Protein backbone atom coordinates (compact mmCIF):
# COMPACT_ATOMS: atom_id res chain seq x y z
CA MET A 1 101.79 -148.86 -64.12
CA SER A 2 102.51 -151.10 -61.19
CA GLU A 3 100.87 -152.65 -58.19
CA GLN A 4 99.79 -150.23 -55.47
CA CYS A 5 102.42 -149.70 -52.72
CA GLU A 6 99.84 -149.73 -49.93
CA PRO A 7 97.80 -152.87 -50.72
CA LEU A 8 94.04 -152.52 -50.43
CA SER A 9 91.98 -155.18 -48.72
CA GLN A 10 90.09 -157.58 -50.97
CA ASN A 11 86.82 -155.82 -50.10
CA GLN A 12 88.27 -152.40 -50.95
CA ARG A 13 89.61 -153.70 -54.28
CA GLU A 14 86.28 -155.26 -55.21
CA ALA A 15 84.39 -152.11 -54.22
CA SER A 16 86.75 -150.12 -56.46
CA PHE A 17 86.13 -152.56 -59.34
CA PHE A 18 82.35 -152.22 -59.06
CA SER A 19 82.50 -148.44 -58.69
CA LEU A 20 84.77 -148.11 -61.73
CA ALA A 21 82.63 -150.55 -63.71
CA ASP A 22 79.61 -148.31 -63.11
CA GLU A 23 81.58 -145.20 -64.12
CA LEU A 24 82.94 -146.72 -67.33
CA GLY A 25 79.94 -148.86 -68.27
CA LEU A 26 82.02 -152.04 -68.35
CA PRO A 27 81.60 -155.36 -66.51
CA ALA A 28 83.30 -155.51 -63.11
CA ASN A 29 85.01 -158.73 -64.27
CA THR A 30 86.78 -156.75 -66.99
CA ILE A 31 88.06 -154.23 -64.45
CA SER A 32 89.33 -156.95 -62.09
CA TRP A 33 90.90 -158.91 -64.99
CA ILE A 34 92.93 -155.87 -66.10
CA SER A 35 93.91 -155.06 -62.51
CA TYR A 36 95.11 -158.61 -61.81
CA ALA A 37 97.01 -158.68 -65.12
CA ILE A 38 98.93 -155.56 -64.10
CA THR A 39 99.61 -157.05 -60.66
CA ALA A 40 100.86 -160.30 -62.25
CA LEU A 41 103.12 -158.34 -64.62
CA SER A 42 104.57 -156.43 -61.67
CA GLU A 43 105.19 -159.61 -59.69
CA ARG A 44 107.07 -161.21 -62.59
CA LYS A 45 109.55 -158.35 -62.76
CA SER A 46 112.58 -157.76 -60.57
CA SER A 47 112.07 -155.74 -57.41
CA SER A 48 114.07 -152.80 -58.82
CA SER A 49 111.74 -152.29 -61.79
CA ARG A 50 108.17 -153.46 -61.34
CA HIS A 51 106.80 -150.91 -63.81
CA SER A 52 104.79 -152.06 -66.85
CA ASN A 53 104.14 -149.82 -69.83
CA ALA A 54 100.97 -149.60 -71.93
CA ARG A 55 102.29 -151.95 -74.62
CA GLU A 56 103.23 -154.61 -72.03
CA VAL A 57 99.79 -154.41 -70.40
CA CYS A 58 97.94 -154.73 -73.73
CA SER A 59 100.23 -157.56 -74.83
CA ALA A 60 99.65 -159.49 -71.58
CA LEU A 61 95.87 -159.08 -71.90
CA LEU A 62 95.80 -160.26 -75.51
CA ARG A 63 98.07 -163.22 -74.70
CA ASP A 64 95.64 -164.23 -71.96
CA LEU A 65 92.64 -164.00 -74.31
CA ASN A 66 94.57 -165.94 -76.96
CA GLU A 67 95.02 -168.86 -74.55
CA PHE A 68 91.56 -168.71 -73.03
CA TYR A 69 89.68 -168.36 -76.34
CA SER A 70 91.94 -170.69 -78.38
CA GLY A 71 93.07 -167.99 -80.78
CA ASP A 72 89.72 -166.23 -81.19
CA ILE A 73 90.98 -163.06 -79.51
CA GLU A 74 88.25 -160.96 -81.09
CA ALA A 75 85.58 -163.07 -79.34
CA GLY A 76 87.45 -162.61 -76.07
CA LEU A 77 87.60 -158.84 -76.54
CA ARG A 78 83.87 -158.72 -77.32
CA ASN A 79 83.18 -160.79 -74.19
CA VAL A 80 85.07 -158.34 -71.95
CA GLU A 81 83.60 -155.40 -73.91
CA ILE A 82 86.96 -154.00 -74.96
CA SER A 83 87.26 -152.82 -78.56
CA CYS A 84 90.62 -151.03 -78.58
CA SER A 85 93.69 -150.19 -76.53
CA GLU A 86 92.13 -146.85 -75.57
CA ASP A 87 89.45 -148.81 -73.65
CA VAL A 88 92.23 -150.57 -71.74
CA GLY A 89 93.79 -147.15 -71.04
CA ARG A 90 90.51 -145.83 -69.62
CA VAL A 91 90.32 -148.80 -67.25
CA VAL A 92 93.98 -148.49 -66.22
CA TRP A 93 93.66 -144.79 -65.46
CA GLY A 94 90.41 -145.46 -63.64
CA LEU A 95 92.31 -147.97 -61.49
CA VAL A 96 94.98 -145.32 -60.89
CA SER A 97 92.31 -142.80 -59.83
CA LYS A 98 90.83 -145.38 -57.41
CA GLN A 99 94.36 -146.00 -56.06
CA VAL A 100 94.21 -149.71 -56.90
CA ILE A 101 97.41 -149.38 -58.94
CA GLN A 102 99.92 -146.56 -59.18
CA ALA A 103 101.32 -144.75 -62.19
CA GLU A 104 104.88 -143.57 -62.62
CA PRO A 105 105.46 -139.88 -63.43
CA GLU A 106 106.24 -140.72 -67.08
CA ASP A 107 102.99 -142.70 -67.52
CA ASN A 108 100.04 -141.14 -69.24
CA VAL A 109 96.78 -142.30 -70.75
CA SER A 110 97.82 -141.32 -74.30
CA GLN A 111 100.38 -144.16 -74.28
CA PHE A 112 97.43 -146.50 -74.88
CA ASN A 113 96.34 -144.63 -78.02
CA GLY A 114 96.47 -146.59 -81.26
CA LEU A 115 98.13 -149.77 -80.00
CA PHE A 116 95.37 -152.10 -81.21
CA ARG A 117 91.80 -152.14 -82.46
CA ILE A 118 89.54 -155.18 -82.53
CA ASP A 119 89.21 -154.89 -86.33
CA ASP A 120 93.01 -154.60 -86.85
CA LEU A 121 94.61 -156.96 -84.32
CA GLU A 122 97.09 -158.66 -86.64
CA ARG A 123 99.43 -155.66 -86.74
CA PHE A 124 99.76 -155.56 -82.94
CA LEU A 125 99.92 -159.35 -82.58
CA SER A 126 102.75 -159.65 -85.09
CA SER A 127 104.69 -156.77 -83.51
CA GLU A 128 104.43 -158.53 -80.13
CA GLY A 129 105.21 -161.99 -81.51
CA ILE A 130 101.82 -163.38 -80.49
CA LYS A 131 100.76 -166.38 -82.57
CA ARG A 132 97.11 -167.33 -82.42
CA ALA A 133 96.45 -170.53 -80.47
CA SER A 134 94.86 -173.24 -82.56
CA PHE A 135 94.19 -175.99 -80.04
CA SER A 136 91.61 -176.09 -77.27
CA TRP A 137 91.79 -178.70 -74.53
CA ILE A 138 88.16 -177.96 -73.68
CA LYS A 139 86.96 -178.71 -77.22
CA CYS A 140 89.22 -181.77 -77.35
CA LYS A 141 87.60 -183.12 -74.18
CA GLN A 142 84.14 -182.53 -75.66
CA TYR A 143 85.02 -184.35 -78.90
CA VAL A 144 86.54 -187.34 -77.07
CA THR A 145 83.52 -187.53 -74.78
CA TRP A 146 81.08 -187.59 -77.69
CA ILE A 147 83.14 -190.08 -79.71
CA PHE A 148 83.21 -192.54 -76.78
CA TYR A 149 79.53 -192.06 -76.02
CA ILE A 150 78.36 -192.44 -79.63
CA ALA A 151 80.69 -195.39 -80.37
CA GLY A 152 79.48 -197.20 -77.25
CA THR A 153 75.85 -196.53 -78.12
CA ILE A 154 76.32 -197.83 -81.66
CA VAL A 155 77.88 -201.07 -80.37
CA VAL A 156 75.06 -201.61 -77.84
CA VAL A 157 72.35 -200.93 -80.43
CA SER A 158 74.15 -203.25 -82.86
CA SER A 159 73.84 -206.07 -80.31
CA TYR A 160 70.05 -205.68 -80.34
CA ALA A 161 70.13 -206.18 -84.12
CA ASN A 162 72.31 -209.28 -83.60
CA LEU A 163 75.19 -207.66 -85.48
CA VAL A 164 77.60 -208.13 -82.55
CA SER A 165 77.70 -210.55 -79.64
CA HIS A 166 76.49 -209.67 -76.16
CA GLN A 167 80.08 -209.76 -74.88
CA ILE A 168 81.00 -207.05 -77.40
CA ALA A 169 77.85 -205.15 -76.35
CA TRP A 170 79.17 -205.02 -72.78
CA ILE A 171 82.40 -203.53 -74.10
CA GLY A 172 80.31 -200.97 -76.00
CA TRP A 173 78.35 -200.20 -72.86
CA THR A 174 81.64 -199.66 -70.98
CA ILE A 175 82.95 -197.34 -73.71
CA GLY A 176 79.70 -195.35 -73.62
CA MET A 177 79.87 -195.02 -69.84
CA ILE A 178 83.48 -193.84 -70.06
CA GLY A 179 82.30 -191.12 -72.46
CA PHE A 180 79.43 -190.26 -70.14
CA ALA A 181 81.79 -190.05 -67.13
CA LEU A 182 84.27 -187.89 -69.06
CA SER A 183 81.54 -185.34 -69.68
CA TYR A 184 81.33 -184.77 -65.92
CA LEU A 185 85.04 -184.18 -65.43
CA PRO A 186 85.88 -180.48 -64.94
CA ASP A 187 87.20 -178.69 -67.99
CA PRO A 188 90.97 -178.18 -68.09
CA GLN A 189 91.84 -174.91 -66.36
CA ILE A 190 93.89 -172.30 -68.17
CA LYS A 191 96.15 -170.30 -65.87
CA ARG A 192 94.79 -166.77 -65.78
CA TYR A 193 95.30 -163.65 -63.74
């Protein structure tokens, strides 16, 4: 599969996503996510061979979910309502039928059969060299925010009990406000399709 030769306008693409979403009973965001993943795969390849096979498409999608969901790929798959590689194949061939992407003559929907299932991901992940992510910048930001906020609050409350001086209380207040301000910073963005 590769990007369509005659690019569709943004409105035409989105209309195709919504139409296909209705046909397949999947969220339109899932359709657009898979389409943009295929486009990104095509753009990364040399101009002589922009074709991506079923395994490459599934691998790219699972790598994206691995980053976005910090290793909980199953939660990501449930969120996009995909339970197996055959579901990805149905979307891809739906995109081909809507002329959003194009298939090569050797491509066929059966190439998506049996690549992965949500209840048996480890086999596919290990064959593709995908290691589950274990660190989340978003969770890290939340923990740091709460630690600053709680530590600052404890210091301020301690000053009311005369356990620390008022000068230290001002430092606690500052720490708490830093935590409060951090909570309003936007979450770190993960590069997606």
